[in-house]
Amino acid sequence: MISAIIALIDQNFTQSTGKKPTLRGSSNHGEKALKNLRIEKLFEIVALSELLVNLKKANSTLKFALCNGGLSGKKLVLQSAPGLADLTKSHIRVAITGQPHFATIWTNVEFFGHSHQVTGINLPGSYHEADVVMLDTNAHGGGVAPVRPPADSVMLMIECKYLDILPKAVLRTMLGLRRELSLLSNQQPTSLAPFLNGAAGAAAAGLANALPVNPGSHVIFCYPNHYGFYPISDWQAPGKVYGIEFWPL
């Protein structure tokens, strides 16, 4: 199972970036490091790589640049515990060819929910972790200090669950995350939509869709496809009302 997941990560990164990732060195250190990760963390990397693939499908001119401390590089060190969006740490910049980057992608970053915007209280209940998150260029407020970005700067977030059984509590979590990012609204383009010009495949096409939320951000639940349709089929109706997307991986 671990080797199959590593192969999928390799394939997805190669497909989206046009370059073979450095997952295996001459002594296989990269692969060994991945094999030491828990399956749940590997699944988050699969979700990240799937996001890159779907973004590329939605706009073939998108470019992804790996940044380590503001410098381009080949080594991706993924944050594995909840933390801040820190520009001195590994992240991925997203740009349209020939233009400045318009977004950054991170793993395991905490963001402030809309409840924090209302109360101004900085307590653990005011912020939430995103397994994968795509932030706009306003996330750092023009500075370089590590931040918990505000909900308004979240263009897209992914929650991943690799479980033997998907309990209904997962759906409640997704509905809560959606509410902390946006208010229910009329259908409107998302903040990501202007950067996408076409899509092939349901998941990629969904990234360009209008959603019934304001601000217009994507909330995506990634789950292993061995579940088939259940229980996700039971969750799609409330998910659709609030603009939650489901990606089987």
Protein backbone atom coordinates (compact mmCIF):
# COMPACT_ATOMS: atom_id res chain seq x y z
CA MET A 1 0.00 0.00 0.00
CA ILE A 2 2.77 2.47 0.97
CA SER A 3 4.70 1.79 -2.25
CA ALA A 4 1.53 2.27 -4.31
CA ILE A 5 0.86 5.63 -2.65
CA ILE A 6 4.44 6.77 -3.22
CA ALA A 7 4.11 5.80 -6.89
CA LEU A 8 0.91 7.87 -7.15
CA ILE A 9 2.60 10.88 -5.54
CA ASP A 10 5.51 10.51 -7.98
CA GLN A 11 3.13 10.30 -10.94
CA ASN A 12 1.02 13.28 -9.87
CA PHE A 13 3.94 15.61 -9.20
CA THR A 14 5.53 14.67 -12.52
CA GLN A 15 2.24 15.22 -14.39
CA SER A 16 1.56 18.62 -12.81
CA THR A 17 5.06 20.11 -12.81
CA GLY A 18 6.58 18.44 -15.85
CA LYS A 19 9.52 17.38 -13.68
CA LYS A 20 10.19 14.15 -11.87
CA PRO A 21 10.22 14.86 -8.13
CA THR A 22 13.21 14.05 -5.98
CA LEU A 23 11.52 11.28 -4.00
CA ARG A 24 14.30 8.75 -4.50
CA GLY A 25 17.94 9.60 -4.12
CA SER A 26 20.84 7.33 -4.96
CA SER A 27 20.30 5.56 -1.65
CA ASN A 28 16.52 5.88 -1.68
CA HIS A 29 16.52 8.31 1.27
CA GLY A 30 13.44 10.09 -0.07
CA GLU A 31 11.41 6.92 -0.41
CA LYS A 32 12.53 5.69 3.01
CA ALA A 33 11.44 8.98 4.58
CA LEU A 34 8.02 8.68 2.95
CA LYS A 35 7.67 5.07 4.08
CA ASN A 36 8.28 6.19 7.66
CA LEU A 37 5.24 8.47 7.54
CA ARG A 38 1.87 7.34 8.83
CA ILE A 39 -0.62 6.42 6.11
CA GLU A 40 -2.73 9.47 7.07
CA LYS A 41 0.18 11.83 6.34
CA LEU A 42 0.98 10.08 3.08
CA PHE A 43 -2.66 10.52 2.10
CA GLU A 44 -2.32 14.28 2.64
CA ILE A 45 0.61 14.30 0.21
CA VAL A 46 -1.54 12.41 -2.30
CA ALA A 47 -4.22 15.11 -1.88
CA LEU A 48 -1.62 17.85 -2.42
CA SER A 49 -0.35 16.18 -5.58
CA GLU A 50 -3.93 15.64 -6.81
CA LEU A 51 -4.64 19.34 -6.29
CA LEU A 52 -1.65 20.26 -8.46
CA VAL A 53 -2.84 17.89 -11.19
CA ASN A 54 -6.37 19.31 -11.16
CA LEU A 55 -5.15 22.92 -11.16
CA LYS A 56 -2.97 22.12 -14.17
CA LYS A 57 -5.94 20.52 -15.93
CA ALA A 58 -8.01 23.62 -15.23
CA ASN A 59 -5.32 25.90 -16.69
CA SER A 60 -2.38 24.40 -18.56
CA THR A 61 -0.42 27.67 -18.28
CA LEU A 62 -0.18 27.44 -14.49
CA LYS A 63 3.33 27.05 -13.12
CA PHE A 64 4.31 25.67 -9.72
CA ALA A 65 7.51 26.82 -8.02
CA LEU A 66 8.83 25.18 -4.88
CA CYS A 67 10.16 27.76 -2.45
CA ASN A 68 12.31 27.18 0.61
CA GLY A 69 12.89 30.38 2.54
CA GLY A 70 11.93 32.41 -0.52
CA LEU A 71 14.41 30.55 -2.73
CA SER A 72 13.52 28.06 -5.43
CA GLY A 73 14.66 24.52 -4.79
CA LYS A 74 13.98 20.85 -5.28
CA LYS A 75 13.49 19.71 -1.70
CA LEU A 76 9.92 19.81 -0.35
CA VAL A 77 9.80 19.64 3.46
CA LEU A 78 6.15 19.29 4.37
CA GLN A 79 4.86 20.66 7.64
CA SER A 80 3.34 17.70 9.49
CA ALA A 81 1.94 19.39 12.61
CA PRO A 82 -0.47 22.34 12.85
CA GLY A 83 1.42 25.59 12.48
CA LEU A 84 1.74 28.98 10.79
CA ALA A 85 2.22 29.98 7.17
CA ASP A 86 5.94 30.67 7.40
CA LEU A 87 7.67 31.97 4.28
CA THR A 88 11.00 30.57 5.52
CA LYS A 89 9.52 27.06 5.25
CA SER A 90 8.66 24.97 2.19
CA HIS A 91 5.65 26.06 0.19
CA ILE A 92 4.54 26.10 -3.44
CA ARG A 93 3.96 29.28 -5.40
CA VAL A 94 1.32 29.24 -8.11
CA ALA A 95 1.54 31.57 -11.11
CA ILE A 96 0.35 31.95 -14.66
CA THR A 97 3.26 31.82 -17.11
CA GLY A 98 4.94 35.21 -17.36
CA GLN A 99 3.09 36.73 -14.38
CA PRO A 100 3.83 37.09 -10.65
CA HIS A 101 2.53 34.34 -8.40
CA PHE A 102 -1.08 34.76 -7.27
CA ALA A 103 -1.22 32.07 -4.58
CA THR A 104 0.78 29.82 -2.30
CA ILE A 105 0.03 26.23 -1.26
CA TRP A 106 0.86 24.83 2.18
CA THR A 107 0.27 21.76 4.34
CA ASN A 108 -1.01 21.73 7.92
CA VAL A 109 -1.45 25.48 8.28
CA GLU A 110 -3.92 27.02 10.73
CA PHE A 111 -6.25 29.82 9.63
CA PHE A 112 -8.46 32.19 11.61
CA GLY A 113 -12.16 31.53 11.11
CA HIS A 114 -14.85 34.14 10.64
CA SER A 115 -15.76 33.76 14.32
CA HIS A 116 -12.37 35.33 15.11
CA GLN A 117 -13.19 38.21 12.76
CA VAL A 118 -16.36 38.85 14.77
CA THR A 119 -14.98 38.37 18.30
CA GLY A 120 -11.32 39.33 17.90
CA ILE A 121 -10.51 36.67 20.50
CA ASN A 122 -7.29 34.76 19.87
CA LEU A 123 -7.91 31.38 21.49
CA PRO A 124 -7.53 27.83 20.10
CA GLY A 125 -11.21 27.75 19.17
CA SER A 126 -10.68 30.74 16.88
CA TYR A 127 -8.41 28.96 14.42
CA HIS A 128 -8.48 25.67 12.56
CA GLU A 129 -5.98 23.46 10.74
CA ALA A 130 -6.20 22.80 7.01
CA ASP A 131 -4.45 19.65 5.81
CA VAL A 132 -3.76 21.43 2.50
CA VAL A 133 -4.48 25.11 1.94
CA MET A 134 -4.13 27.56 -0.94
CA LEU A 135 -3.71 31.20 0.14
CA ASP A 136 -3.93 34.44 -1.80
CA THR A 137 -1.10 36.99 -1.79
CA ASN A 138 -2.77 39.05 0.95
CA ALA A 139 -2.38 36.27 3.50
CA HIS A 140 0.74 37.80 5.06
CA GLY A 141 -0.60 41.34 5.03
CA GLY A 142 2.31 42.61 2.96
CA GLY A 143 4.83 41.36 5.52
CA VAL A 144 7.04 38.31 5.85
CA ALA A 145 6.34 37.23 9.44
CA PRO A 146 4.72 33.81 9.99
CA VAL A 147 0.94 34.15 10.24
CA ARG A 148 -2.34 32.40 10.77
CA PRO A 149 -4.05 33.77 7.67
CA PRO A 150 -7.56 35.19 7.86
CA ALA A 151 -10.46 33.28 6.34
CA ASP A 152 -10.72 35.86 3.57
CA SER A 153 -7.28 34.85 2.28
CA VAL A 154 -8.11 31.15 1.98
CA MET A 155 -8.79 30.37 -1.69
CA LEU A 156 -9.07 26.62 -1.15
CA MET A 157 -8.66 24.13 1.67
CA ILE A 158 -8.59 20.34 1.74
CA GLU A 159 -9.51 18.09 4.64
CA CYS A 160 -8.22 14.50 4.33
CA LYS A 161 -9.43 11.39 6.12
CA TYR A 162 -7.96 7.94 5.63
CA LEU A 163 -10.12 5.82 7.93
CA ASP A 164 -11.54 2.31 7.96
CA ILE A 165 -14.98 3.83 8.60
CA LEU A 166 -16.12 7.36 7.80
CA PRO A 167 -18.31 8.49 10.72
CA LYS A 168 -20.96 11.18 10.36
CA ALA A 169 -18.82 13.37 12.61
CA VAL A 170 -16.61 13.95 9.55
CA LEU A 171 -19.54 15.58 7.75
CA ARG A 172 -20.18 17.81 10.77
CA THR A 173 -16.50 18.80 10.70
CA MET A 174 -16.74 19.73 7.02
CA LEU A 175 -19.87 21.81 7.59
CA GLY A 176 -18.14 23.60 10.47
CA LEU A 177 -15.03 24.36 8.42
CA ARG A 178 -17.20 25.67 5.60
CA ARG A 179 -19.01 28.01 8.00
CA GLU A 180 -15.75 29.33 9.46
CA LEU A 181 -14.55 30.24 5.95
CA SER A 182 -17.67 31.71 4.33
CA LEU A 183 -21.28 32.73 4.67
CA LEU A 184 -24.04 31.11 2.65
CA SER A 185 -24.80 33.33 -0.35
CA ASN A 186 -26.06 33.37 -3.90
CA GLN A 187 -23.93 31.52 -6.45
CA GLN A 188 -20.81 33.52 -7.29
CA PRO A 189 -17.38 32.94 -8.83
CA THR A 190 -14.69 31.89 -6.39
CA SER A 191 -11.43 33.77 -5.89
CA LEU A 192 -9.70 30.99 -7.82
CA ALA A 193 -12.00 31.06 -10.87
CA PRO A 194 -10.34 34.05 -12.66
CA PHE A 195 -7.11 32.06 -12.94
CA LEU A 196 -8.70 29.01 -14.58
CA ASN A 197 -9.61 28.79 -18.26
CA GLY A 198 -10.75 25.26 -18.91
CA ALA A 199 -10.92 21.84 -17.37
CA ALA A 200 -11.00 18.14 -18.11
CA GLY A 201 -12.43 15.87 -15.45
CA ALA A 202 -15.05 16.45 -12.79
CA ALA A 203 -12.73 17.52 -9.97
CA ALA A 204 -10.76 19.95 -12.14
CA ALA A 205 -13.94 21.39 -13.63
CA GLY A 206 -15.33 21.92 -10.13
CA LEU A 207 -12.46 24.29 -9.34
CA ALA A 208 -13.87 26.73 -11.91
CA ASN A 209 -17.47 26.46 -10.70
CA ALA A 210 -19.40 29.21 -8.96
CA LEU A 211 -20.28 28.36 -5.35
CA PRO A 212 -23.06 29.54 -2.99
CA VAL A 213 -20.64 31.16 -0.53
CA ASN A 214 -19.07 34.52 0.26
CA PRO A 215 -16.09 34.84 0.27
CA GLY A 216 -15.85 32.40 -2.60
CA SER A 217 -13.49 29.68 -1.44
CA HIS A 218 -13.31 25.94 -2.06
CA VAL A 219 -13.69 23.41 0.75
CA ILE A 220 -12.77 19.91 -0.43
CA PHE A 221 -13.01 16.59 1.38
CA CYS A 222 -10.57 13.93 0.15
CA TYR A 223 -11.25 10.31 1.00
CA PRO A 224 -9.94 6.92 -0.22
CA ASN A 225 -11.93 5.66 -3.18
CA HIS A 226 -12.33 2.16 -1.74
CA TYR A 227 -15.43 3.48 0.05
CA GLY A 228 -17.29 3.59 -3.26
CA PHE A 229 -20.43 5.70 -2.97
CA TYR A 230 -21.30 5.19 0.70
CA PRO A 231 -21.44 7.18 2.94
CA ILE A 232 -20.40 10.05 0.66
CA SER A 233 -23.61 9.70 -1.37
CA ASP A 234 -25.56 10.52 1.81
CA TRP A 235 -23.42 13.61 2.42
CA GLN A 236 -23.59 15.20 -1.01
CA ALA A 237 -26.95 16.92 -0.56
CA PRO A 238 -25.96 19.04 2.49
CA GLY A 239 -22.49 19.39 1.01
CA LYS A 240 -23.89 20.86 -2.21
CA VAL A 241 -26.01 23.39 -0.29
CA TYR A 242 -22.86 24.80 1.31
CA GLY A 243 -20.47 24.36 -1.61
CA ILE A 244 -18.45 21.44 -0.23
CA GLU A 245 -16.69 19.30 -2.83
CA PHE A 246 -15.79 15.60 -2.53
CA TRP A 247 -12.71 14.07 -4.14
CA PRO A 248 -12.19 10.29 -4.05
CA LEU A 249 -8.48 9.46 -4.29
